[in-house]
Amino acid sequence: MTEGSPVVAVRGLTKKFKRFTAVDCLDFDLLPNCTTALLGSNGAGKTTTISMLLGLLLPTSGSIQIFGEDLLEDRFKILPRVNISSPYIDLPQRLTVRQNLNVYARLYEIPNARQRIETLASDLELNEFIDRQLRKLSAGQKTRVSLAKALINEPELLLLDEPTASLDPESASWIREYLRRYQQRRNTAILLASHNMLEVERMCQQVYIMSHGGIVAQGTPQELINHHSKENLEEVFIQLART
């Protein structure tokens, strides 16, 4: 990957399940040090798209290049540099927070794993419950653990699905600022899936809105607001989601 080139380049990406087309010929780029939102109502194709970016689903057609490499051919070279945070991905509930992070540190072959976990626990304020089983945590605490798991390998491509779910406004603002600093330090490309349009406006430099498997609008948050003559991004999203 040359300097300034996209971290992710998707071209003609399509996924069909028998007669149903879940993702229909997507083209988009994710740039370094840029946060991009992928928005859409339930069933729009976001989860299928993210699953293909993670190599969990094979495309029916099209291509995904990450770090200048073809994902289908070089996934084991690419995926150690990628991670995801989602409240909908369950970590082992019987393990403590520390044990969970140890598992993922080993999976990613993190050098000095103990120090990395200590740093994350301090940064994300996990120390109060780091030796507590995950099933005994609140929803907000689990959200922070999920984010710690996603940052364990210091990814250069970070996928965030509702990263501040269940957090109070102050904690959510703190997490967004933490992610911004992390992104600048690592020059990371972030793909954000969220239903919190205010969060998207605050975090994202680029937005893609999906409907019925395709991209129906793209631009900066302000460009989309201006183009559709709306007061905010939520009004834009509601209008496009109904089409």
Foldseek 3Di string as FASTA:
>chain_A
DDPFDFQKWWFQFWADDVPATQAGGETDTFHFLFEEEEEADPSLNPVVVVCVVLVNDPTPDTFMAGNNHTCVVPVVVQNLQEFEFDLPDDFPQQAFLQVSQVVLCVVSVPPPLVVLLVVLCVLLVVVVGRRPGNNPDDSQSVLSSSVSSRPSSLHQEYEYEASRPPHDPVSVVSVLVVVSVSSVVSSHGYYYYYPPQVVCLVRGQKYFYGGSNYTDDIGGQVVQCVVVVHDGSNVSRVVVNVD
